């Protein structure tokens, strides 16, 4: 069992480095470790006052605005609830900055700027402007 933990830790570190794209672009700004915490904590990190829209046990969602732009910030009770929400929301397009049990949704430039503070991974929604041949 002791051998397994270091092996898992090493595998996890390799996966993190691979996902971060280390060494792929020397000019790219370093992305910080992904932030964690409550909706209010995350909002404070990016200097916005959240305008709460939903305050439930499963999801807390607010509209935020700062110097980077306007965006939606949501926190989730579970990883599964977060993934289900993102999968459904992506059908509407948009740009998503995804962290552990939180997501920020906004314009590409806003999400990219937020990533410089909050870390996380950027995901794209469905582009409904693309041509649909044969339909």
C-alpha atoms as a PDB file:
ATOM      1  CA  UNK A   1       0.000   0.000   0.000  1.00  0.00           C
ATOM      2  CA  UNK A   2       2.847   2.394   0.723  1.00  0.00           C
ATOM      3  CA  UNK A   3       4.232   1.853  -2.788  1.00  0.00           C
ATOM      4  CA  UNK A   4       0.885   2.724  -4.352  1.00  0.00           C
ATOM      5  CA  UNK A   5       0.566   6.195  -2.808  1.00  0.00           C
ATOM      6  CA  UNK A   6       3.877   7.553  -4.126  1.00  0.00           C
ATOM      7  CA  UNK A   7       3.128   6.032  -7.515  1.00  0.00           C
ATOM      8  CA  UNK A   8      -0.295   7.688  -7.560  1.00  0.00           C
ATOM      9  CA  UNK A   9       1.207  11.001  -6.458  1.00  0.00           C
ATOM     10  CA  UNK A  10       3.826  10.804  -9.211  1.00  0.00           C
ATOM     11  CA  UNK A  11       1.198   9.904 -11.807  1.00  0.00           C
ATOM     12  CA  UNK A  12      -0.952  12.799 -10.603  1.00  0.00           C
ATOM     13  CA  UNK A  13       1.976  15.219 -10.864  1.00  0.00           C
ATOM     14  CA  UNK A  14       2.721  14.059 -14.407  1.00  0.00           C
ATOM     15  CA  UNK A  15      -0.941  14.489 -15.360  1.00  0.00           C
ATOM     16  CA  UNK A  16      -1.008  18.018 -13.899  1.00  0.00           C
ATOM     17  CA  UNK A  17       2.144  18.968 -15.804  1.00  0.00           C
ATOM     18  CA  UNK A  18       0.742  17.514 -19.019  1.00  0.00           C
ATOM     19  CA  UNK A  19      -2.552  19.359 -18.609  1.00  0.00           C
ATOM     20  CA  UNK A  20      -0.779  22.606 -17.772  1.00  0.00           C
ATOM     21  CA  UNK A  21       1.195  22.315 -20.987  1.00  0.00           C
ATOM     22  CA  UNK A  22       4.488  23.020 -19.247  1.00  0.00           C
ATOM     23  CA  UNK A  23       7.193  23.922 -21.679  1.00  0.00           C
ATOM     24  CA  UNK A  24       4.838  24.228 -24.648  1.00  0.00           C
ATOM     25  CA  UNK A  25       4.965  28.032 -24.773  1.00  0.00           C
ATOM     26  CA  UNK A  26       7.713  29.896 -22.959  1.00  0.00           C
ATOM     27  CA  UNK A  27       5.953  33.235 -23.508  1.00  0.00           C
ATOM     28  CA  UNK A  28       2.651  32.171 -21.952  1.00  0.00           C
ATOM     29  CA  UNK A  29       1.754  33.709 -18.607  1.00  0.00           C
ATOM     30  CA  UNK A  30       1.904  31.147 -15.815  1.00  0.00           C
ATOM     31  CA  UNK A  31      -1.507  29.979 -14.651  1.00  0.00           C
ATOM     32  CA  UNK A  32      -1.803  29.965 -10.853  1.00  0.00           C
ATOM     33  CA  UNK A  33      -2.959  26.969  -8.851  1.00  0.00           C
ATOM     34  CA  UNK A  34      -6.726  26.614  -9.132  1.00  0.00           C
ATOM     35  CA  UNK A  35      -8.520  28.612  -6.457  1.00  0.00           C
ATOM     36  CA  UNK A  36     -10.935  27.000  -4.020  1.00  0.00           C
ATOM     37  CA  UNK A  37     -13.501  28.328  -1.592  1.00  0.00           C
ATOM     38  CA  UNK A  38     -16.954  29.789  -1.299  1.00  0.00           C
ATOM     39  CA  UNK A  39     -18.601  31.934  -3.932  1.00  0.00           C
ATOM     40  CA  UNK A  40     -17.870  35.007  -1.819  1.00  0.00           C
ATOM     41  CA  UNK A  41     -14.199  34.038  -1.464  1.00  0.00           C
ATOM     42  CA  UNK A  42     -13.798  33.495  -5.217  1.00  0.00           C
ATOM     43  CA  UNK A  43     -15.588  36.784  -5.938  1.00  0.00           C
ATOM     44  CA  UNK A  44     -13.248  38.608  -3.544  1.00  0.00           C
ATOM     45  CA  UNK A  45     -10.242  37.068  -5.313  1.00  0.00           C
ATOM     46  CA  UNK A  46     -11.338  38.668  -8.606  1.00  0.00           C
ATOM     47  CA  UNK A  47     -12.541  41.880  -6.948  1.00  0.00           C
ATOM     48  CA  UNK A  48     -16.248  41.738  -7.623  1.00  0.00           C
ATOM     49  CA  UNK A  49     -19.324  42.049  -5.446  1.00  0.00           C
ATOM     50  CA  UNK A  50     -21.567  39.089  -6.316  1.00  0.00           C
ATOM     51  CA  UNK A  51     -25.215  39.816  -7.158  1.00  0.00           C
ATOM     52  CA  UNK A  52     -26.762  36.536  -5.971  1.00  0.00           C
ATOM     53  CA  UNK A  53     -29.215  34.932  -8.399  1.00  0.00           C
ATOM     54  CA  UNK A  54     -29.496  31.430  -6.906  1.00  0.00           C
ATOM     55  CA  UNK A  55     -28.691  30.441  -3.324  1.00  0.00           C
ATOM     56  CA  UNK A  56     -29.583  26.749  -2.933  1.00  0.00           C
ATOM     57  CA  UNK A  57     -27.908  23.775  -1.295  1.00  0.00           C
ATOM     58  CA  UNK A  58     -26.792  22.305  -4.644  1.00  0.00           C
ATOM     59  CA  UNK A  59     -25.733  25.520  -6.447  1.00  0.00           C
ATOM     60  CA  UNK A  60     -24.991  29.127  -5.606  1.00  0.00           C
ATOM     61  CA  UNK A  61     -24.899  31.454  -8.601  1.00  0.00           C
ATOM     62  CA  UNK A  62     -24.228  35.178  -8.916  1.00  0.00           C
ATOM     63  CA  UNK A  63     -23.652  37.819 -11.555  1.00  0.00           C
ATOM     64  CA  UNK A  64     -20.298  39.565 -11.152  1.00  0.00           C
ATOM     65  CA  UNK A  65     -18.655  42.511 -12.823  1.00  0.00           C
ATOM     66  CA  UNK A  66     -15.092  43.736 -12.480  1.00  0.00           C
ATOM     67  CA  UNK A  67     -12.490  45.452 -14.649  1.00  0.00           C
ATOM     68  CA  UNK A  68     -12.243  42.264 -16.765  1.00  0.00           C
ATOM     69  CA  UNK A  69     -15.954  42.306 -17.670  1.00  0.00           C
ATOM     70  CA  UNK A  70     -19.285  40.817 -16.630  1.00  0.00           C
ATOM     71  CA  UNK A  71     -19.570  37.111 -15.840  1.00  0.00           C
ATOM     72  CA  UNK A  72     -21.554  34.455 -13.990  1.00  0.00           C
ATOM     73  CA  UNK A  73     -19.861  32.812 -11.015  1.00  0.00           C
ATOM     74  CA  UNK A  74     -21.326  29.572  -9.669  1.00  0.00           C
ATOM     75  CA  UNK A  75     -20.288  27.149  -6.943  1.00  0.00           C
ATOM     76  CA  UNK A  76     -21.556  23.598  -6.533  1.00  0.00           C
ATOM     77  CA  UNK A  77     -22.061  21.170  -3.651  1.00  0.00           C
ATOM     78  CA  UNK A  78     -20.730  18.208  -5.657  1.00  0.00           C
ATOM     79  CA  UNK A  79     -18.371  17.538  -8.570  1.00  0.00           C
ATOM     80  CA  UNK A  80     -21.135  15.599 -10.317  1.00  0.00           C
ATOM     81  CA  UNK A  81     -23.600  18.469  -9.978  1.00  0.00           C
ATOM     82  CA  UNK A  82     -21.007  20.835 -11.427  1.00  0.00           C
ATOM     83  CA  UNK A  83     -20.286  18.594 -14.419  1.00  0.00           C
ATOM     84  CA  UNK A  84     -24.000  18.087 -15.146  1.00  0.00           C
ATOM     85  CA  UNK A  85     -24.577  21.864 -15.008  1.00  0.00           C
ATOM     86  CA  UNK A  86     -21.619  22.565 -17.331  1.00  0.00           C
ATOM     87  CA  UNK A  87     -22.671  19.863 -19.814  1.00  0.00           C
ATOM     88  CA  UNK A  88     -26.176  21.342 -20.043  1.00  0.00           C
ATOM     89  CA  UNK A  89     -24.975  24.964 -20.122  1.00  0.00           C
ATOM     90  CA  UNK A  90     -22.487  24.293 -22.932  1.00  0.00           C
ATOM     91  CA  UNK A  91     -25.427  23.731 -25.300  1.00  0.00           C
ATOM     92  CA  UNK A  92     -25.951  27.508 -25.085  1.00  0.00           C
ATOM     93  CA  UNK A  93     -22.398  28.325 -26.171  1.00  0.00           C
ATOM     94  CA  UNK A  94     -20.076  30.555 -24.169  1.00  0.00           C
ATOM     95  CA  UNK A  95     -16.729  30.287 -22.469  1.00  0.00           C
ATOM     96  CA  UNK A  96     -16.270  28.498 -19.146  1.00  0.00           C
ATOM     97  CA  UNK A  97     -13.481  28.754 -16.597  1.00  0.00           C
ATOM     98  CA  UNK A  98     -13.729  25.581 -14.548  1.00  0.00           C
ATOM     99  CA  UNK A  99     -12.267  24.935 -11.111  1.00  0.00           C
ATOM    100  CA  UNK A 100     -13.023  22.413  -8.380  1.00  0.00           C
ATOM    101  CA  UNK A 101     -16.734  22.842  -7.632  1.00  0.00           C
ATOM    102  CA  UNK A 102     -16.912  26.277  -9.286  1.00  0.00           C
ATOM    103  CA  UNK A 103     -17.285  27.797 -12.738  1.00  0.00           C
ATOM    104  CA  UNK A 104     -17.099  31.299 -14.215  1.00  0.00           C
ATOM    105  CA  UNK A 105     -18.957  31.955 -17.476  1.00  0.00           C
ATOM    106  CA  UNK A 106     -18.388  34.951 -19.715  1.00  0.00           C
ATOM    107  CA  UNK A 107     -16.796  36.321 -22.856  1.00  0.00           C
ATOM    108  CA  UNK A 108     -13.536  34.714 -23.968  1.00  0.00           C
ATOM    109  CA  UNK A 109     -11.440  37.724 -22.924  1.00  0.00           C
ATOM    110  CA  UNK A 110     -13.120  37.897 -19.497  1.00  0.00           C
ATOM    111  CA  UNK A 111     -12.675  34.178 -18.802  1.00  0.00           C
ATOM    112  CA  UNK A 112      -9.031  34.340 -19.901  1.00  0.00           C
ATOM    113  CA  UNK A 113      -8.381  37.301 -17.591  1.00  0.00           C
ATOM    114  CA  UNK A 114     -10.093  35.556 -14.653  1.00  0.00           C
ATOM    115  CA  UNK A 115      -7.897  32.511 -15.250  1.00  0.00           C
ATOM    116  CA  UNK A 116      -4.855  34.665 -14.458  1.00  0.00           C
ATOM    117  CA  UNK A 117      -6.197  35.038 -10.898  1.00  0.00           C
ATOM    118  CA  UNK A 118      -8.291  31.916 -10.274  1.00  0.00           C
ATOM    119  CA  UNK A 119      -6.425  29.311 -12.332  1.00  0.00           C
ATOM    120  CA  UNK A 120      -8.641  26.538 -13.665  1.00  0.00           C
ATOM    121  CA  UNK A 121      -9.298  25.160 -17.129  1.00  0.00           C
ATOM    122  CA  UNK A 122     -11.079  26.874 -19.992  1.00  0.00           C
ATOM    123  CA  UNK A 123     -13.850  24.966 -21.764  1.00  0.00           C
ATOM    124  CA  UNK A 124     -15.875  26.065 -24.796  1.00  0.00           C
ATOM    125  CA  UNK A 125     -19.590  25.793 -25.303  1.00  0.00           C
ATOM    126  CA  UNK A 126     -21.240  24.664 -28.535  1.00  0.00           C
ATOM    127  CA  UNK A 127     -20.825  27.130 -31.390  1.00  0.00           C
ATOM    128  CA  UNK A 128     -24.309  27.450 -32.854  1.00  0.00           C
ATOM    129  CA  UNK A 129     -23.037  29.924 -35.430  1.00  0.00           C
ATOM    130  CA  UNK A 130     -21.212  27.173 -37.322  1.00  0.00           C
ATOM    131  CA  UNK A 131     -22.838  26.039 -40.526  1.00  0.00           C
ATOM    132  CA  UNK A 132     -24.847  22.851 -40.349  1.00  0.00           C
ATOM    133  CA  UNK A 133     -24.626  21.260 -43.757  1.00  0.00           C
ATOM    134  CA  UNK A 134     -27.643  19.302 -44.873  1.00  0.00           C
ATOM    135  CA  UNK A 135     -29.976  20.736 -42.241  1.00  0.00           C
END
